[in-house]
PDB file of N, CA and C in Angstrom:
ATOM      1  N   MET A   1     -64.894 157.714  55.614  1.00  0.00           N
ATOM      2  CA  MET A   1     -66.214 157.770  56.073  1.00  0.00           C
ATOM      3  C   MET A   1     -67.160 158.714  55.226  1.00  0.00           C
ATOM      4  N   LYS A   2     -68.517 158.253  55.396  1.00  0.00           N
ATOM      5  CA  LYS A   2     -69.522 158.973  54.680  1.00  0.00           C
ATOM      6  C   LYS A   2     -69.586 160.695  55.165  1.00  0.00           C
ATOM      7  N   VAL A   3     -69.820 161.523  54.307  1.00  0.00           N
ATOM      8  CA  VAL A   3     -69.756 163.063  54.702  1.00  0.00           C
ATOM      9  C   VAL A   3     -70.961 163.247  53.765  1.00  0.00           C
ATOM     10  N   ARG A   4     -72.086 163.862  54.433  1.00  0.00           N
ATOM     11  CA  ARG A   4     -73.309 164.425  53.441  1.00  0.00           C
ATOM     12  C   ARG A   4     -73.105 165.848  53.602  1.00  0.00           C
ATOM     13  N   ILE A   5     -73.449 166.066  52.154  1.00  0.00           N
ATOM     14  CA  ILE A   5     -72.898 167.735  51.865  1.00  0.00           C
ATOM     15  C   ILE A   5     -74.431 168.434  51.683  1.00  0.00           C
ATOM     16  N   PRO A   6     -74.564 169.605  52.392  1.00  0.00           N
ATOM     17  CA  PRO A   6     -75.673 170.315  52.122  1.00  0.00           C
ATOM     18  C   PRO A   6     -75.717 170.931  50.571  1.00  0.00           C
ATOM     19  N   SER A   7     -77.171 171.301  50.178  1.00  0.00           N
ATOM     20  CA  SER A   7     -77.418 171.604  48.732  1.00  0.00           C
ATOM     21  C   SER A   7     -76.502 172.889  48.484  1.00  0.00           C
ATOM     22  N   PRO A   8     -76.430 173.970  49.356  1.00  0.00           N
ATOM     23  CA  PRO A   8     -75.679 175.105  49.066  1.00  0.00           C
ATOM     24  C   PRO A   8     -73.977 175.117  48.679  1.00  0.00           C
ATOM     25  N   LEU A   9     -73.698 173.610  48.922  1.00  0.00           N
ATOM     26  CA  LEU A   9     -72.310 173.712  48.852  1.00  0.00           C
ATOM     27  C   LEU A   9     -72.194 172.410  47.661  1.00  0.00           C
ATOM     28  N   LEU A  10     -73.124 172.012  47.109  1.00  0.00           N
ATOM     29  CA  LEU A  10     -73.116 171.006  45.850  1.00  0.00           C
ATOM     30  C   LEU A  10     -72.303 171.604  44.697  1.00  0.00           C
ATOM     31  N   SER A  11     -72.116 172.720  44.576  1.00  0.00           N
ATOM     32  CA  SER A  11     -71.323 173.037  43.428  1.00  0.00           C
ATOM     33  C   SER A  11     -69.809 172.696  43.496  1.00  0.00           C
ATOM     34  N   TYR A  12     -69.327 172.494  44.957  1.00  0.00           N
ATOM     35  CA  TYR A  12     -67.951 171.741  45.102  1.00  0.00           C
ATOM     36  C   TYR A  12     -67.833 170.268  44.733  1.00  0.00           C
ATOM     37  N   THR A  13     -69.007 169.458  45.213  1.00  0.00           N
ATOM     38  CA  THR A  13     -68.805 168.185  45.164  1.00  0.00           C
ATOM     39  C   THR A  13     -69.547 167.659  43.896  1.00  0.00           C
ATOM     40  N   ASN A  14     -70.790 168.207  43.770  1.00  0.00           N
ATOM     41  CA  ASN A  14     -71.530 167.581  42.676  1.00  0.00           C
ATOM     42  C   ASN A  14     -72.343 166.327  43.120  1.00  0.00           C
ATOM     43  N   GLN A  15     -72.023 165.930  44.443  1.00  0.00           N
ATOM     44  CA  GLN A  15     -72.668 164.699  45.094  1.00  0.00           C
ATOM     45  C   GLN A  15     -73.216 165.132  46.437  1.00  0.00           C
ATOM     46  N   ARG A  16     -74.434 164.615  46.936  1.00  0.00           N
ATOM     47  CA  ARG A  16     -75.038 164.830  48.127  1.00  0.00           C
ATOM     48  C   ARG A  16     -74.254 164.008  49.141  1.00  0.00           C
ATOM     49  N   GLU A  17     -73.590 162.706  48.712  1.00  0.00           N
ATOM     50  CA  GLU A  17     -72.441 162.378  49.664  1.00  0.00           C
ATOM     51  C   GLU A  17     -71.254 161.795  49.130  1.00  0.00           C
ATOM     52  N   VAL A  18     -70.065 161.918  49.870  1.00  0.00           N
ATOM     53  CA  VAL A  18     -68.826 161.746  49.444  1.00  0.00           C
ATOM     54  C   VAL A  18     -68.228 161.069  50.466  1.00  0.00           C
ATOM     55  N   GLU A  19     -66.967 160.688  50.343  1.00  0.00           N
ATOM     56  CA  GLU A  19     -66.054 159.796  51.390  1.00  0.00           C
ATOM     57  C   GLU A  19     -64.898 160.637  51.597  1.00  0.00           C
ATOM     58  N   ALA A  20     -64.606 160.776  52.760  1.00  0.00           N
ATOM     59  CA  ALA A  20     -63.222 161.542  53.095  1.00  0.00           C
ATOM     60  C   ALA A  20     -62.840 160.769  54.421  1.00  0.00           C
ATOM     61  N   GLU A  21     -61.560 161.373  54.738  1.00  0.00           N
ATOM     62  CA  GLU A  21     -60.786 160.571  55.866  1.00  0.00           C
ATOM     63  C   GLU A  21     -60.178 161.744  56.902  1.00  0.00           C
ATOM     64  N   GLY A  22     -60.135 161.345  58.028  1.00  0.00           N
ATOM     65  CA  GLY A  22     -59.644 162.384  59.130  1.00  0.00           C
ATOM     66  C   GLY A  22     -59.876 161.773  60.437  1.00  0.00           C
ATOM     67  N   SER A  23     -58.850 161.867  61.133  1.00  0.00           N
ATOM     68  CA  SER A  23     -59.070 161.636  62.781  1.00  0.00           C
ATOM     69  C   SER A  23     -59.672 162.813  63.798  1.00  0.00           C
ATOM     70  N   THR A  24     -60.090 164.077  63.014  1.00  0.00           N
ATOM     71  CA  THR A  24     -60.700 164.957  63.579  1.00  0.00           C
ATOM     72  C   THR A  24     -61.627 165.737  62.561  1.00  0.00           C
ATOM     73  N   LEU A  25     -62.557 166.561  62.858  1.00  0.00           N
ATOM     74  CA  LEU A  25     -63.344 167.315  62.089  1.00  0.00           C
ATOM     75  C   LEU A  25     -62.526 168.261  61.340  1.00  0.00           C
ATOM     76  N   ASP A  26     -61.483 168.622  61.717  1.00  0.00           N
ATOM     77  CA  ASP A  26     -60.654 169.713  61.081  1.00  0.00           C
ATOM     78  C   ASP A  26     -59.779 168.729  59.905  1.00  0.00           C
ATOM     79  N   ALA A  27     -59.281 167.689  60.301  1.00  0.00           N
ATOM     80  CA  ALA A  27     -58.656 166.854  59.322  1.00  0.00           C
ATOM     81  C   ALA A  27     -59.613 166.492  58.150  1.00  0.00           C
ATOM     82  N   LEU A  28     -60.694 166.189  58.726  1.00  0.00           N
ATOM     83  CA  LEU A  28     -61.732 165.661  57.613  1.00  0.00           C
ATOM     84  C   LEU A  28     -62.260 166.795  56.843  1.00  0.00           C
ATOM     85  N   VAL A  29     -62.218 167.920  57.053  1.00  0.00           N
ATOM     86  CA  VAL A  29     -62.523 169.205  56.260  1.00  0.00           C
ATOM     87  C   VAL A  29     -61.210 169.366  55.191  1.00  0.00           C
ATOM     88  N   THR A  30     -59.966 169.162  55.853  1.00  0.00           N
ATOM     89  CA  THR A  30     -58.935 169.329  55.251  1.00  0.00           C
ATOM     90  C   THR A  30     -58.655 168.386  53.914  1.00  0.00           C
ATOM     91  N   ASP A  31     -59.154 167.096  54.258  1.00  0.00           N
ATOM     92  CA  ASP A  31     -59.223 166.086  53.292  1.00  0.00           C
ATOM     93  C   ASP A  31     -60.258 166.432  52.262  1.00  0.00           C
ATOM     94  N   LEU A  32     -61.452 166.914  52.503  1.00  0.00           N
ATOM     95  CA  LEU A  32     -62.519 167.291  51.830  1.00  0.00           C
ATOM     96  C   LEU A  32     -62.013 168.422  50.958  1.00  0.00           C
ATOM     97  N   ASP A  33     -61.313 169.259  51.465  1.00  0.00           N
ATOM     98  CA  ASP A  33     -60.555 170.339  50.487  1.00  0.00           C
ATOM     99  C   ASP A  33     -59.565 170.154  49.561  1.00  0.00           C
ATOM    100  N   ARG A  34     -58.893 169.044  49.793  1.00  0.00           N
ATOM    101  CA  ARG A  34     -58.065 168.494  48.904  1.00  0.00           C
ATOM    102  C   ARG A  34     -58.674 167.695  47.823  1.00  0.00           C
ATOM    103  N   ARG A  35     -59.703 167.158  48.264  1.00  0.00           N
ATOM    104  CA  ARG A  35     -60.745 166.516  47.146  1.00  0.00           C
ATOM    105  C   ARG A  35     -61.415 167.688  46.380  1.00  0.00           C
ATOM    106  N   TYR A  36     -61.961 168.486  46.870  1.00  0.00           N
ATOM    107  CA  TYR A  36     -62.868 169.298  46.328  1.00  0.00           C
ATOM    108  C   TYR A  36     -62.451 171.095  46.784  1.00  0.00           C
ATOM    109  N   PRO A  37     -61.598 171.216  46.048  1.00  0.00           N
ATOM    110  CA  PRO A  37     -60.662 172.758  46.371  1.00  0.00           C
ATOM    111  C   PRO A  37     -61.870 173.711  46.679  1.00  0.00           C
ATOM    112  N   GLY A  38     -61.393 174.360  47.549  1.00  0.00           N
ATOM    113  CA  GLY A  38     -62.416 175.775  48.055  1.00  0.00           C
ATOM    114  C   GLY A  38     -63.457 175.458  48.884  1.00  0.00           C
ATOM    115  N   LEU A  39     -63.640 174.207  49.304  1.00  0.00           N
ATOM    116  CA  LEU A  39     -64.946 173.751  50.181  1.00  0.00           C
ATOM    117  C   LEU A  39     -64.490 174.214  51.596  1.00  0.00           C
ATOM    118  N   ARG A  40     -63.166 173.885  52.095  1.00  0.00           N
ATOM    119  CA  ARG A  40     -62.864 174.349  53.239  1.00  0.00           C
ATOM    120  C   ARG A  40     -63.133 175.774  53.777  1.00  0.00           C
ATOM    121  N   PHE A  41     -62.850 176.855  53.077  1.00  0.00           N
ATOM    122  CA  PHE A  41     -62.853 178.127  53.351  1.00  0.00           C
ATOM    123  C   PHE A  41     -64.457 178.353  53.689  1.00  0.00           C
ATOM    124  N   ARG A  42     -65.461 177.685  52.966  1.00  0.00           N
ATOM    125  CA  ARG A  42     -66.536 177.790  53.250  1.00  0.00           C
ATOM    126  C   ARG A  42     -67.400 177.262  54.409  1.00  0.00           C
ATOM    127  N   ILE A  43     -66.570 176.713  55.080  1.00  0.00           N
ATOM    128  CA  ILE A  43     -67.240 175.830  56.411  1.00  0.00           C
ATOM    129  C   ILE A  43     -66.274 176.271  57.744  1.00  0.00           C
ATOM    130  N   ILE A  44     -64.859 176.503  57.574  1.00  0.00           N
ATOM    131  CA  ILE A  44     -64.036 176.478  58.438  1.00  0.00           C
ATOM    132  C   ILE A  44     -63.501 178.080  58.101  1.00  0.00           C
ATOM    133  N   ASP A  45     -63.119 178.803  59.177  1.00  0.00           N
ATOM    134  CA  ASP A  45     -62.722 180.507  58.985  1.00  0.00           C
ATOM    135  C   ASP A  45     -61.071 180.297  59.308  1.00  0.00           C
ATOM    136  N   GLU A  46     -60.673 181.869  59.069  1.00  0.00           N
ATOM    137  CA  GLU A  46     -59.161 181.735  59.163  1.00  0.00           C
ATOM    138  C   GLU A  46     -58.741 181.365  60.431  1.00  0.00           C
ATOM    139  N   GLN A  47     -59.336 181.292  61.437  1.00  0.00           N
ATOM    140  CA  GLN A  47     -58.834 180.913  62.749  1.00  0.00           C
ATOM    141  C   GLN A  47     -59.074 179.373  62.865  1.00  0.00           C
ATOM    142  N   SER A  48     -59.362 178.711  61.982  1.00  0.00           N
ATOM    143  CA  SER A  48     -59.500 177.121  62.182  1.00  0.00           C
ATOM    144  C   SER A  48     -60.864 176.803  62.997  1.00  0.00           C
ATOM    145  N   ALA A  49     -61.755 177.729  63.033  1.00  0.00           N
ATOM    146  CA  ALA A  49     -63.099 177.660  63.654  1.00  0.00           C
ATOM    147  C   ALA A  49     -64.165 177.403  62.632  1.00  0.00           C
ATOM    148  N   ILE A  50     -65.068 176.504  63.284  1.00  0.00           N
ATOM    149  CA  ILE A  50     -66.244 176.184  62.233  1.00  0.00           C
ATOM    150  C   ILE A  50     -67.098 177.676  62.267  1.00  0.00           C
ATOM    151  N   ARG A  51     -67.385 177.909  61.114  1.00  0.00           N
ATOM    152  CA  ARG A  51     -68.326 179.032  60.558  1.00  0.00           C
ATOM    153  C   ARG A  51     -69.691 179.032  61.291  1.00  0.00           C
ATOM    154  N   PRO A  52     -70.197 180.359  62.056  1.00  0.00           N
ATOM    155  CA  PRO A  52     -71.211 180.290  62.685  1.00  0.00           C
ATOM    156  C   PRO A  52     -72.551 179.757  62.113  1.00  0.00           C
ATOM    157  N   HIS A  53     -72.423 179.721  60.655  1.00  0.00           N
ATOM    158  CA  HIS A  53     -73.747 179.265  60.006  1.00  0.00           C
ATOM    159  C   HIS A  53     -73.597 177.932  59.409  1.00  0.00           C
ATOM    160  N   ILE A  54     -72.692 177.245  60.089  1.00  0.00           N
ATOM    161  CA  ILE A  54     -72.299 175.681  59.711  1.00  0.00           C
ATOM    162  C   ILE A  54     -72.536 174.899  61.035  1.00  0.00           C
ATOM    163  N   ARG A  55     -73.125 173.595  60.719  1.00  0.00           N
ATOM    164  CA  ARG A  55     -73.420 172.915  61.791  1.00  0.00           C
ATOM    165  C   ARG A  55     -72.772 171.382  61.136  1.00  0.00           C
ATOM    166  N   PHE A  56     -72.133 170.852  62.166  1.00  0.00           N
ATOM    167  CA  PHE A  56     -71.722 169.482  61.996  1.00  0.00           C
ATOM    168  C   PHE A  56     -72.516 168.499  62.717  1.00  0.00           C
ATOM    169  N   PHE A  57     -72.802 167.328  62.409  1.00  0.00           N
ATOM    170  CA  PHE A  57     -73.842 166.146  63.025  1.00  0.00           C
ATOM    171  C   PHE A  57     -72.929 165.010  62.935  1.00  0.00           C
ATOM    172  N   VAL A  58     -72.308 164.585  64.130  1.00  0.00           N
ATOM    173  CA  VAL A  58     -71.420 163.226  63.838  1.00  0.00           C
ATOM    174  C   VAL A  58     -72.258 162.023  64.550  1.00  0.00           C
ATOM    175  N   ASN A  59     -72.595 161.033  63.618  1.00  0.00           N
ATOM    176  CA  ASN A  59     -73.533 159.918  63.927  1.00  0.00           C
ATOM    177  C   ASN A  59     -74.818 160.696  64.530  1.00  0.00           C
ATOM    178  N   GLY A  60     -75.309 161.833  64.064  1.00  0.00           N
ATOM    179  CA  GLY A  60     -76.665 162.263  64.298  1.00  0.00           C
ATOM    180  C   GLY A  60     -76.643 163.308  65.420  1.00  0.00           C
ATOM    181  N   GLU A  61     -75.202 163.366  66.150  1.00  0.00           N
ATOM    182  CA  GLU A  61     -75.210 164.543  67.580  1.00  0.00           C
ATOM    183  C   GLU A  61     -74.401 165.637  67.013  1.00  0.00           C
ATOM    184  N   LEU A  62     -74.906 166.763  67.450  1.00  0.00           N
ATOM    185  CA  LEU A  62     -74.520 168.218  66.955  1.00  0.00           C
ATOM    186  C   LEU A  62     -72.941 168.188  67.653  1.00  0.00           C
ATOM    187  N   VAL A  63     -71.981 168.772  66.930  1.00  0.00           N
ATOM    188  CA  VAL A  63     -70.527 168.658  67.469  1.00  0.00           C
ATOM    189  C   VAL A  63     -70.218 170.120  66.996  1.00  0.00           C
ATOM    190  N   ARG A  64     -69.573 170.794  67.988  1.00  0.00           N
ATOM    191  CA  ARG A  64     -69.341 172.257  67.545  1.00  0.00           C
ATOM    192  C   ARG A  64     -67.721 172.605  67.728  1.00  0.00           C
ATOM    193  N   ASP A  65     -67.061 171.590  67.894  1.00  0.00           N
ATOM    194  CA  ASP A  65     -65.773 171.613  68.080  1.00  0.00           C
ATOM    195  C   ASP A  65     -64.617 170.980  66.907  1.00  0.00           C
ATOM    196  N   ALA A  66     -64.061 171.803  66.360  1.00  0.00           N
ATOM    197  CA  ALA A  66     -63.410 171.204  64.806  1.00  0.00           C
ATOM    198  C   ALA A  66     -62.242 170.395  65.284  1.00  0.00           C
ATOM    199  N   LYS A  67     -61.892 170.127  66.659  1.00  0.00           N
ATOM    200  CA  LYS A  67     -61.032 169.008  66.891  1.00  0.00           C
ATOM    201  C   LYS A  67     -61.724 167.889  67.405  1.00  0.00           C
ATOM    202  N   HIS A  68     -62.865 167.765  67.434  1.00  0.00           N
ATOM    203  CA  HIS A  68     -63.776 166.525  67.806  1.00  0.00           C
ATOM    204  C   HIS A  68     -63.131 165.278  67.114  1.00  0.00           C
ATOM    205  N   PRO A  69     -62.854 164.343  67.761  1.00  0.00           N
ATOM    206  CA  PRO A  69     -62.008 163.172  67.330  1.00  0.00           C
ATOM    207  C   PRO A  69     -63.326 162.274  66.369  1.00  0.00           C
ATOM    208  N   LEU A  70     -62.721 161.660  65.396  1.00  0.00           N
ATOM    209  CA  LEU A  70     -63.711 160.922  64.342  1.00  0.00           C
ATOM    210  C   LEU A  70     -63.118 159.520  64.277  1.00  0.00           C
ATOM    211  N   ARG A  71     -64.132 158.427  63.905  1.00  0.00           N
ATOM    212  CA  ARG A  71     -63.413 157.303  63.664  1.00  0.00           C
ATOM    213  C   ARG A  71     -63.651 157.035  62.088  1.00  0.00           C
ATOM    214  N   PRO A  72     -63.387 156.038  61.579  1.00  0.00           N
ATOM    215  CA  PRO A  72     -63.657 155.727  59.915  1.00  0.00           C
ATOM    216  C   PRO A  72     -65.069 155.253  59.756  1.00  0.00           C
ATOM    217  N   THR A  73     -65.541 154.825  60.823  1.00  0.00           N
ATOM    218  CA  THR A  73     -67.024 154.067  60.752  1.00  0.00           C
ATOM    219  C   THR A  73     -68.300 155.389  60.998  1.00  0.00           C
ATOM    220  N   TYR A  74     -67.771 156.323  61.369  1.00  0.00           N
ATOM    221  CA  TYR A  74     -68.675 157.561  61.626  1.00  0.00           C
ATOM    222  C   TYR A  74     -69.246 158.226  60.466  1.00  0.00           C
ATOM    223  N   GLU A  75     -70.593 158.537  60.560  1.00  0.00           N
ATOM    224  CA  GLU A  75     -70.995 159.432  59.350  1.00  0.00           C
ATOM    225  C   GLU A  75     -71.276 161.038  59.929  1.00  0.00           C
ATOM    226  N   VAL A  76     -70.866 161.671  58.950  1.00  0.00           N
ATOM    227  CA  VAL A  76     -71.065 163.223  59.202  1.00  0.00           C
ATOM    228  C   VAL A  76     -71.748 163.878  58.242  1.00  0.00           C
ATOM    229  N   GLN A  77     -72.405 164.833  59.049  1.00  0.00           N
ATOM    230  CA  GLN A  77     -73.433 165.630  58.230  1.00  0.00           C
ATOM    231  C   GLN A  77     -73.344 167.069  58.234  1.00  0.00           C
ATOM    232  N   ILE A  78     -73.034 167.654  57.172  1.00  0.00           N
ATOM    233  CA  ILE A  78     -72.881 168.982  57.285  1.00  0.00           C
ATOM    234  C   ILE A  78     -73.706 169.900  56.990  1.00  0.00           C
ATOM    235  N   VAL A  79     -74.406 170.922  57.897  1.00  0.00           N
ATOM    236  CA  VAL A  79     -75.698 171.697  57.467  1.00  0.00           C
ATOM    237  C   VAL A  79     -75.345 172.894  57.585  1.00  0.00           C
ATOM    238  N   GLN A  80     -75.921 173.833  56.647  1.00  0.00           N
ATOM    239  CA  GLN A  80     -75.615 175.120  56.400  1.00  0.00           C
ATOM    240  C   GLN A  80     -76.779 175.807  56.530  1.00  0.00           C
ATOM    241  N   ALA A  81     -77.048 176.683  57.466  1.00  0.00           N
ATOM    242  CA  ALA A  81     -78.025 177.692  57.533  1.00  0.00           C
ATOM    243  C   ALA A  81     -78.091 178.651  56.466  1.00  0.00           C
ATOM    244  N   LEU A  82     -79.364 178.687  56.209  1.00  0.00           N
ATOM    245  CA  LEU A  82     -79.528 179.803  55.067  1.00  0.00           C
ATOM    246  C   LEU A  82     -80.507 181.078  55.690  1.00  0.00           C
ATOM    247  N   SER A  83     -80.042 182.219  55.090  1.00  0.00           N
ATOM    248  CA  SER A  83     -80.598 183.414  55.581  1.00  0.00           C
ATOM    249  C   SER A  83     -81.017 184.528  54.422  1.00  0.00           C
ATOM    250  N   GLY A  84     -81.708 185.394  55.009  1.00  0.00           N
ATOM    251  CA  GLY A  84     -82.092 186.307  53.920  1.00  0.00           C
ATOM    252  C   GLY A  84     -83.411 186.897  53.894  1.00  0.00           C
ATOM    253  N   GLY A  85     -83.662 187.868  52.912  1.00  0.00           N
ATOM    254  CA  GLY A  85     -84.983 188.504  53.341  1.00  0.00           C
ATOM    255  C   GLY A  85     -85.596 189.159  52.090  1.00  0.00           C
TER     256      GLY A  85
END
């Protein structure tokens, strides 16, 4: 399925849009990490929860559960909040 990558994570993929597979968001992120090592740690924490500054949109709808089911035809967008001062 298509996965859109936010600008702060482009150093891992070098592409704004990549392909990945998975029946859940967690499985999708695991596949992304296999293809782009180190990416998972930036978006999923040690307890397999989505990090607070990361948002997933599946077919345009916000999803907050890493166990959310996916289908191969879905589009996933990862959004990363930026902060600073």
